[in-house]
């Protein structure tokens, strides 16, 4: 059931399916949304959708008979795929950059500060620096990069998008998922109306991971994630 009634927990007979699709480039923002299904798999009762999704991505991106292993690919995903098990399974793909929504209650970390001059660290290496709590602005510090763009809806309303980014942050991983090896860019997006007031109660946080993430501008990251909604209709 895509839209549940409050207080009800519907029981649906059927199978979960995981769909990996290509989102063709649009010549104009008003062009109709099209998706090209690349791989569709059933998610069994013993599997997680995020696990199946990672397997589908690796299968398609590494297939030499397809064009995706030669050029940089941008993969856009909702917060259900923001777990470290999923991201750790695809972060090593050289030509893949993943843009995923990060829930606003997450805590990530800065890179550890180098030891003071003349001092050498002993013992276990330090993998994480100061915490960056998404819900605590006191921990953010100044952004490393800022940008701004705008868009106009079909109804003719124009909105401004403010973008801020912090580079080379890391997340805590698991024993078999060393996420400190995969730094990422964290992007904060706010959509403002003509009076400069936010139109959404909460800002949007995007985690951008992959070796080639620096080739994308903040505006390109924002626009790429917006394409994710085209898949919802499919």
C-alpha atoms as a PDB file:
ATOM      1  CA  UNK A   1       0.000   0.000   0.000  1.00  0.00           C
ATOM      2  CA  UNK A   2       1.768   3.214  -1.080  1.00  0.00           C
ATOM      3  CA  UNK A   3      -0.376   5.483   1.126  1.00  0.00           C
ATOM      4  CA  UNK A   4      -1.407   4.018   4.463  1.00  0.00           C
ATOM      5  CA  UNK A   5      -4.176   5.348   6.674  1.00  0.00           C
ATOM      6  CA  UNK A   6      -3.115   6.594  10.072  1.00  0.00           C
ATOM      7  CA  UNK A   7      -3.379   3.829  12.648  1.00  0.00           C
ATOM      8  CA  UNK A   8      -3.697   1.073  10.061  1.00  0.00           C
ATOM      9  CA  UNK A   9      -1.021  -1.464   9.190  1.00  0.00           C
ATOM     10  CA  UNK A  10      -2.013  -3.016   5.864  1.00  0.00           C
ATOM     11  CA  UNK A  11      -1.105  -6.565   4.940  1.00  0.00           C
ATOM     12  CA  UNK A  12      -0.237  -6.977   1.282  1.00  0.00           C
ATOM     13  CA  UNK A  13       0.189 -10.286  -0.520  1.00  0.00           C
ATOM     14  CA  UNK A  14       2.953 -10.113  -3.104  1.00  0.00           C
ATOM     15  CA  UNK A  15       6.687  -9.829  -3.695  1.00  0.00           C
ATOM     16  CA  UNK A  16       9.081  -6.928  -3.156  1.00  0.00           C
ATOM     17  CA  UNK A  17      10.974  -5.954  -6.293  1.00  0.00           C
ATOM     18  CA  UNK A  18      14.153  -3.880  -6.570  1.00  0.00           C
ATOM     19  CA  UNK A  19      14.463  -1.793  -9.730  1.00  0.00           C
ATOM     20  CA  UNK A  20      17.702  -0.239 -11.000  1.00  0.00           C
ATOM     21  CA  UNK A  21      16.915   2.164 -13.834  1.00  0.00           C
ATOM     22  CA  UNK A  22      18.682   4.721 -15.999  1.00  0.00           C
ATOM     23  CA  UNK A  23      17.300   8.265 -15.925  1.00  0.00           C
ATOM     24  CA  UNK A  24      17.877   9.768 -19.394  1.00  0.00           C
ATOM     25  CA  UNK A  25      19.132  13.338 -19.555  1.00  0.00           C
ATOM     26  CA  UNK A  26      16.456  15.972 -20.193  1.00  0.00           C
ATOM     27  CA  UNK A  27      16.931  18.692 -22.791  1.00  0.00           C
ATOM     28  CA  UNK A  28      14.388  20.880 -20.972  1.00  0.00           C
ATOM     29  CA  UNK A  29      13.269  20.790 -17.317  1.00  0.00           C
ATOM     30  CA  UNK A  30       9.653  20.427 -18.440  1.00  0.00           C
ATOM     31  CA  UNK A  31      10.305  17.301 -20.533  1.00  0.00           C
ATOM     32  CA  UNK A  32       8.253  14.254 -19.537  1.00  0.00           C
ATOM     33  CA  UNK A  33       9.989  11.889 -17.085  1.00  0.00           C
ATOM     34  CA  UNK A  34      11.283   8.685 -18.661  1.00  0.00           C
ATOM     35  CA  UNK A  35      13.090   5.780 -17.033  1.00  0.00           C
ATOM     36  CA  UNK A  36      14.902   2.864 -18.655  1.00  0.00           C
ATOM     37  CA  UNK A  37      14.813  -0.251 -16.423  1.00  0.00           C
ATOM     38  CA  UNK A  38      18.242  -1.905 -16.348  1.00  0.00           C
ATOM     39  CA  UNK A  39      17.829  -4.644 -13.765  1.00  0.00           C
ATOM     40  CA  UNK A  40      14.781  -5.870 -11.838  1.00  0.00           C
ATOM     41  CA  UNK A  41      15.114  -8.422  -9.041  1.00  0.00           C
ATOM     42  CA  UNK A  42      12.861  -9.901  -6.449  1.00  0.00           C
ATOM     43  CA  UNK A  43      13.845  -9.163  -2.847  1.00  0.00           C
ATOM     44  CA  UNK A  44      13.401 -12.403  -0.916  1.00  0.00           C
ATOM     45  CA  UNK A  45      12.357 -12.611   2.724  1.00  0.00           C
ATOM     46  CA  UNK A  46      15.984 -13.322   3.680  1.00  0.00           C
ATOM     47  CA  UNK A  47      17.374 -10.230   1.913  1.00  0.00           C
ATOM     48  CA  UNK A  48      17.327  -6.485   2.439  1.00  0.00           C
ATOM     49  CA  UNK A  49      16.422  -4.154  -0.408  1.00  0.00           C
ATOM     50  CA  UNK A  50      19.622  -2.160   0.154  1.00  0.00           C
ATOM     51  CA  UNK A  51      21.699  -5.348  -0.125  1.00  0.00           C
ATOM     52  CA  UNK A  52      20.002  -6.348  -3.369  1.00  0.00           C
ATOM     53  CA  UNK A  53      20.385  -2.799  -4.685  1.00  0.00           C
ATOM     54  CA  UNK A  54      24.145  -2.869  -4.113  1.00  0.00           C
ATOM     55  CA  UNK A  55      24.421  -6.181  -5.988  1.00  0.00           C
ATOM     56  CA  UNK A  56      22.422  -4.763  -8.913  1.00  0.00           C
ATOM     57  CA  UNK A  57      24.600  -1.655  -9.086  1.00  0.00           C
ATOM     58  CA  UNK A  58      27.844  -3.656  -9.131  1.00  0.00           C
ATOM     59  CA  UNK A  59      26.441  -5.990 -11.772  1.00  0.00           C
ATOM     60  CA  UNK A  60      25.490  -3.164 -14.145  1.00  0.00           C
ATOM     61  CA  UNK A  61      28.428  -0.809 -13.556  1.00  0.00           C
ATOM     62  CA  UNK A  62      31.050  -3.532 -14.010  1.00  0.00           C
ATOM     63  CA  UNK A  63      29.463  -5.121 -17.105  1.00  0.00           C
ATOM     64  CA  UNK A  64      31.867  -4.470 -19.999  1.00  0.00           C
ATOM     65  CA  UNK A  65      29.032  -4.914 -22.490  1.00  0.00           C
ATOM     66  CA  UNK A  66      27.294  -1.826 -21.091  1.00  0.00           C
ATOM     67  CA  UNK A  67      28.495   1.800 -21.310  1.00  0.00           C
ATOM     68  CA  UNK A  68      28.337   2.491 -17.582  1.00  0.00           C
ATOM     69  CA  UNK A  69      31.775   1.091 -16.685  1.00  0.00           C
ATOM     70  CA  UNK A  70      33.575   3.532 -19.015  1.00  0.00           C
ATOM     71  CA  UNK A  71      32.098   6.898 -18.014  1.00  0.00           C
ATOM     72  CA  UNK A  72      31.313   8.478 -14.674  1.00  0.00           C
ATOM     73  CA  UNK A  73      27.861   7.437 -13.445  1.00  0.00           C
ATOM     74  CA  UNK A  74      25.806   9.289 -10.849  1.00  0.00           C
ATOM     75  CA  UNK A  75      23.546   7.063  -8.768  1.00  0.00           C
ATOM     76  CA  UNK A  76      20.729   8.761  -6.806  1.00  0.00           C
ATOM     77  CA  UNK A  77      19.029   7.045  -3.876  1.00  0.00           C
ATOM     78  CA  UNK A  78      16.601   7.774  -1.053  1.00  0.00           C
ATOM     79  CA  UNK A  79      17.478   7.576   2.647  1.00  0.00           C
ATOM     80  CA  UNK A  80      16.622   3.874   2.757  1.00  0.00           C
ATOM     81  CA  UNK A  81      19.957   3.283   1.027  1.00  0.00           C
ATOM     82  CA  UNK A  82      22.035   5.524   3.313  1.00  0.00           C
ATOM     83  CA  UNK A  83      23.250   2.683   5.539  1.00  0.00           C
ATOM     84  CA  UNK A  84      26.966   1.942   5.665  1.00  0.00           C
ATOM     85  CA  UNK A  85      26.511  -1.669   4.521  1.00  0.00           C
ATOM     86  CA  UNK A  86      24.991  -0.499   1.235  1.00  0.00           C
ATOM     87  CA  UNK A  87      27.331   2.456   0.656  1.00  0.00           C
ATOM     88  CA  UNK A  88      30.398   0.458   1.641  1.00  0.00           C
ATOM     89  CA  UNK A  89      29.486  -2.141  -0.979  1.00  0.00           C
ATOM     90  CA  UNK A  90      29.549   0.371  -3.851  1.00  0.00           C
ATOM     91  CA  UNK A  91      31.954   3.114  -2.706  1.00  0.00           C
ATOM     92  CA  UNK A  92      34.973   1.398  -4.292  1.00  0.00           C
ATOM     93  CA  UNK A  93      33.556   1.499  -7.834  1.00  0.00           C
ATOM     94  CA  UNK A  94      35.904   3.940  -9.587  1.00  0.00           C
ATOM     95  CA  UNK A  95      33.422   5.546 -11.984  1.00  0.00           C
ATOM     96  CA  UNK A  96      30.435   5.639  -9.633  1.00  0.00           C
ATOM     97  CA  UNK A  97      29.349   8.655  -7.595  1.00  0.00           C
ATOM     98  CA  UNK A  98      26.418   8.022  -5.261  1.00  0.00           C
ATOM     99  CA  UNK A  99      24.137  10.826  -4.061  1.00  0.00           C
ATOM    100  CA  UNK A 100      21.918   9.647  -1.219  1.00  0.00           C
ATOM    101  CA  UNK A 101      19.621  11.463   1.156  1.00  0.00           C
ATOM    102  CA  UNK A 102      20.860  11.355   4.749  1.00  0.00           C
ATOM    103  CA  UNK A 103      18.340  11.429   7.641  1.00  0.00           C
ATOM    104  CA  UNK A 104      18.597  14.617   9.679  1.00  0.00           C
ATOM    105  CA  UNK A 105      19.450  12.817  12.943  1.00  0.00           C
ATOM    106  CA  UNK A 106      22.747  11.323  11.739  1.00  0.00           C
ATOM    107  CA  UNK A 107      26.209  12.093  13.114  1.00  0.00           C
ATOM    108  CA  UNK A 108      29.252  12.060  10.836  1.00  0.00           C
ATOM    109  CA  UNK A 109      32.880  12.964  11.549  1.00  0.00           C
ATOM    110  CA  UNK A 110      35.651  15.199  10.351  1.00  0.00           C
ATOM    111  CA  UNK A 111      39.031  13.816   9.444  1.00  0.00           C
ATOM    112  CA  UNK A 112      41.302  13.389  12.507  1.00  0.00           C
ATOM    113  CA  UNK A 113      43.737  16.219  13.114  1.00  0.00           C
ATOM    114  CA  UNK A 114      47.407  15.367  12.463  1.00  0.00           C
ATOM    115  CA  UNK A 115      49.589  14.973  15.563  1.00  0.00           C
ATOM    116  CA  UNK A 116      51.447  18.009  16.834  1.00  0.00           C
ATOM    117  CA  UNK A 117      54.830  18.665  15.278  1.00  0.00           C
ATOM    118  CA  UNK A 118      57.514  16.512  16.851  1.00  0.00           C
ATOM    119  CA  UNK A 119      54.989  14.051  18.289  1.00  0.00           C
ATOM    120  CA  UNK A 120      54.201  10.624  16.888  1.00  0.00           C
ATOM    121  CA  UNK A 121      50.975   8.746  17.439  1.00  0.00           C
ATOM    122  CA  UNK A 122      51.260   5.370  19.120  1.00  0.00           C
ATOM    123  CA  UNK A 123      48.719   2.593  19.424  1.00  0.00           C
ATOM    124  CA  UNK A 124      45.591   2.256  17.327  1.00  0.00           C
ATOM    125  CA  UNK A 125      45.358   4.764  14.428  1.00  0.00           C
ATOM    126  CA  UNK A 126      42.836   7.568  14.817  1.00  0.00           C
ATOM    127  CA  UNK A 127      40.151   7.259  12.156  1.00  0.00           C
ATOM    128  CA  UNK A 128      37.618   9.871  13.274  1.00  0.00           C
ATOM    129  CA  UNK A 129      37.892  13.491  14.271  1.00  0.00           C
ATOM    130  CA  UNK A 130      35.319  15.852  15.759  1.00  0.00           C
ATOM    131  CA  UNK A 131      31.641  14.903  15.338  1.00  0.00           C
ATOM    132  CA  UNK A 132      29.368  16.723  12.899  1.00  0.00           C
ATOM    133  CA  UNK A 133      25.775  16.304  14.112  1.00  0.00           C
ATOM    134  CA  UNK A 134      23.267  17.222  11.422  1.00  0.00           C
ATOM    135  CA  UNK A 135      20.726  18.437  13.983  1.00  0.00           C
ATOM    136  CA  UNK A 136      23.268  20.548  15.915  1.00  0.00           C
ATOM    137  CA  UNK A 137      24.469  23.638  13.981  1.00  0.00           C
ATOM    138  CA  UNK A 138      27.069  24.278  16.688  1.00  0.00           C
ATOM    139  CA  UNK A 139      29.067  21.322  15.345  1.00  0.00           C
ATOM    140  CA  UNK A 140      29.013  22.330  11.682  1.00  0.00           C
ATOM    141  CA  UNK A 141      31.556  25.100  11.390  1.00  0.00           C
ATOM    142  CA  UNK A 142      31.901  27.159   8.226  1.00  0.00           C
ATOM    143  CA  UNK A 143      31.091  25.294   4.995  1.00  0.00           C
ATOM    144  CA  UNK A 144      33.915  24.533   2.571  1.00  0.00           C
ATOM    145  CA  UNK A 145      31.812  25.554  -0.427  1.00  0.00           C
ATOM    146  CA  UNK A 146      28.568  27.411  -1.127  1.00  0.00           C
ATOM    147  CA  UNK A 147      26.378  27.861  -4.184  1.00  0.00           C
ATOM    148  CA  UNK A 148      22.926  29.061  -5.172  1.00  0.00           C
ATOM    149  CA  UNK A 149      20.456  28.243  -7.912  1.00  0.00           C
ATOM    150  CA  UNK A 150      16.755  28.655  -8.630  1.00  0.00           C
ATOM    151  CA  UNK A 151      13.918  26.826 -10.319  1.00  0.00           C
ATOM    152  CA  UNK A 152      10.388  27.594 -11.468  1.00  0.00           C
ATOM    153  CA  UNK A 153       7.500  25.196 -10.926  1.00  0.00           C
ATOM    154  CA  UNK A 154       4.851  24.339 -13.507  1.00  0.00           C
ATOM    155  CA  UNK A 155       2.552  26.710 -11.607  1.00  0.00           C
ATOM    156  CA  UNK A 156       4.981  29.576 -12.249  1.00  0.00           C
ATOM    157  CA  UNK A 157       6.404  29.892  -8.725  1.00  0.00           C
ATOM    158  CA  UNK A 158      10.128  30.614  -8.570  1.00  0.00           C
ATOM    159  CA  UNK A 159      12.185  29.358  -5.635  1.00  0.00           C
ATOM    160  CA  UNK A 160      15.803  29.879  -4.606  1.00  0.00           C
ATOM    161  CA  UNK A 161      17.997  26.979  -3.505  1.00  0.00           C
ATOM    162  CA  UNK A 162      20.853  27.652  -1.084  1.00  0.00           C
ATOM    163  CA  UNK A 163      23.560  24.973  -1.069  1.00  0.00           C
ATOM    164  CA  UNK A 164      26.375  24.453   1.441  1.00  0.00           C
ATOM    165  CA  UNK A 165      28.984  21.682   1.411  1.00  0.00           C
ATOM    166  CA  UNK A 166      31.550  20.191   3.766  1.00  0.00           C
ATOM    167  CA  UNK A 167      34.212  18.040   2.116  1.00  0.00           C
ATOM    168  CA  UNK A 168      36.051  14.886   3.148  1.00  0.00           C
ATOM    169  CA  UNK A 169      33.909  13.832   6.099  1.00  0.00           C
ATOM    170  CA  UNK A 170      33.748  10.187   7.210  1.00  0.00           C
ATOM    171  CA  UNK A 171      31.252   7.850   8.864  1.00  0.00           C
ATOM    172  CA  UNK A 172      31.630   5.108  11.391  1.00  0.00           C
ATOM    173  CA  UNK A 173      31.470   1.748   9.682  1.00  0.00           C
ATOM    174  CA  UNK A 174      31.281  -1.854  10.787  1.00  0.00           C
ATOM    175  CA  UNK A 175      33.911  -4.516  11.364  1.00  0.00           C
ATOM    176  CA  UNK A 176      33.716  -5.631   7.738  1.00  0.00           C
ATOM    177  CA  UNK A 177      32.814  -2.176   6.329  1.00  0.00           C
ATOM    178  CA  UNK A 178      35.717   0.270   6.950  1.00  0.00           C
ATOM    179  CA  UNK A 179      33.961   3.504   6.046  1.00  0.00           C
ATOM    180  CA  UNK A 180      36.911   5.653   7.189  1.00  0.00           C
ATOM    181  CA  UNK A 181      38.478   4.621   3.853  1.00  0.00           C
ATOM    182  CA  UNK A 182      35.682   6.356   1.932  1.00  0.00           C
ATOM    183  CA  UNK A 183      35.477  10.107   2.652  1.00  0.00           C
ATOM    184  CA  UNK A 184      32.470  11.944   1.251  1.00  0.00           C
ATOM    185  CA  UNK A 185      30.978  15.383   0.682  1.00  0.00           C
ATOM    186  CA  UNK A 186      28.000  16.459   2.787  1.00  0.00           C
ATOM    187  CA  UNK A 187      25.579  18.908   1.142  1.00  0.00           C
ATOM    188  CA  UNK A 188      22.883  20.933   2.909  1.00  0.00           C
ATOM    189  CA  UNK A 189      20.089  22.312   0.726  1.00  0.00           C
ATOM    190  CA  UNK A 190      17.414  24.857   1.656  1.00  0.00           C
ATOM    191  CA  UNK A 191      14.594  25.941  -0.664  1.00  0.00           C
ATOM    192  CA  UNK A 192      13.420  29.521  -0.089  1.00  0.00           C
ATOM    193  CA  UNK A 193      10.413  31.457  -1.371  1.00  0.00           C
ATOM    194  CA  UNK A 194      10.426  35.005  -2.739  1.00  0.00           C
ATOM    195  CA  UNK A 195      10.504  36.392   0.832  1.00  0.00           C
ATOM    196  CA  UNK A 196      13.523  34.287   1.767  1.00  0.00           C
ATOM    197  CA  UNK A 197      11.520  31.924   3.981  1.00  0.00           C
ATOM    198  CA  UNK A 198      12.080  28.134   3.849  1.00  0.00           C
ATOM    199  CA  UNK A 199       9.224  26.296   2.149  1.00  0.00           C
ATOM    200  CA  UNK A 200      10.061  23.015   3.913  1.00  0.00           C
ATOM    201  CA  UNK A 201      10.151  22.415   7.647  1.00  0.00           C
ATOM    202  CA  UNK A 202      13.456  20.555   7.404  1.00  0.00           C
ATOM    203  CA  UNK A 203      16.479  21.107   5.194  1.00  0.00           C
ATOM    204  CA  UNK A 204      17.707  18.398   2.822  1.00  0.00           C
ATOM    205  CA  UNK A 205      20.995  16.642   3.587  1.00  0.00           C
ATOM    206  CA  UNK A 206      22.779  14.780   0.790  1.00  0.00           C
ATOM    207  CA  UNK A 207      25.785  12.487   1.153  1.00  0.00           C
ATOM    208  CA  UNK A 208      27.949  12.348  -1.984  1.00  0.00           C
ATOM    209  CA  UNK A 209      30.442   9.484  -2.065  1.00  0.00           C
ATOM    210  CA  UNK A 210      32.819   8.161  -4.730  1.00  0.00           C
ATOM    211  CA  UNK A 211      36.340   8.923  -5.930  1.00  0.00           C
ATOM    212  CA  UNK A 212      35.105  11.288  -8.678  1.00  0.00           C
ATOM    213  CA  UNK A 213      32.623  13.252  -6.553  1.00  0.00           C
ATOM    214  CA  UNK A 214      34.757  16.381  -6.926  1.00  0.00           C
ATOM    215  CA  UNK A 215      33.843  16.527 -10.625  1.00  0.00           C
ATOM    216  CA  UNK A 216      30.270  17.475  -9.727  1.00  0.00           C
ATOM    217  CA  UNK A 217      29.320  21.012  -8.774  1.00  0.00           C
ATOM    218  CA  UNK A 218      26.884  21.585  -5.910  1.00  0.00           C
ATOM    219  CA  UNK A 219      24.187  22.604  -8.384  1.00  0.00           C
ATOM    220  CA  UNK A 220      24.749  19.425 -10.405  1.00  0.00           C
ATOM    221  CA  UNK A 221      24.433  17.371  -7.218  1.00  0.00           C
ATOM    222  CA  UNK A 222      21.156  19.092  -6.352  1.00  0.00           C
ATOM    223  CA  UNK A 223      19.743  18.667  -9.845  1.00  0.00           C
ATOM    224  CA  UNK A 224      20.840  15.028 -10.035  1.00  0.00           C
ATOM    225  CA  UNK A 225      19.070  14.144  -6.807  1.00  0.00           C
ATOM    226  CA  UNK A 226      15.906  15.838  -8.076  1.00  0.00           C
ATOM    227  CA  UNK A 227      15.826  13.330 -10.925  1.00  0.00           C
ATOM    228  CA  UNK A 228      15.271  10.533  -8.404  1.00  0.00           C
ATOM    229  CA  UNK A 229      11.577  11.395  -8.200  1.00  0.00           C
ATOM    230  CA  UNK A 230      11.078  10.376 -11.849  1.00  0.00           C
ATOM    231  CA  UNK A 231      11.607   6.776 -10.748  1.00  0.00           C
ATOM    232  CA  UNK A 232       8.822   7.018  -8.162  1.00  0.00           C
ATOM    233  CA  UNK A 233       6.178   7.255 -10.898  1.00  0.00           C
ATOM    234  CA  UNK A 234       7.539   4.137 -12.583  1.00  0.00           C
END
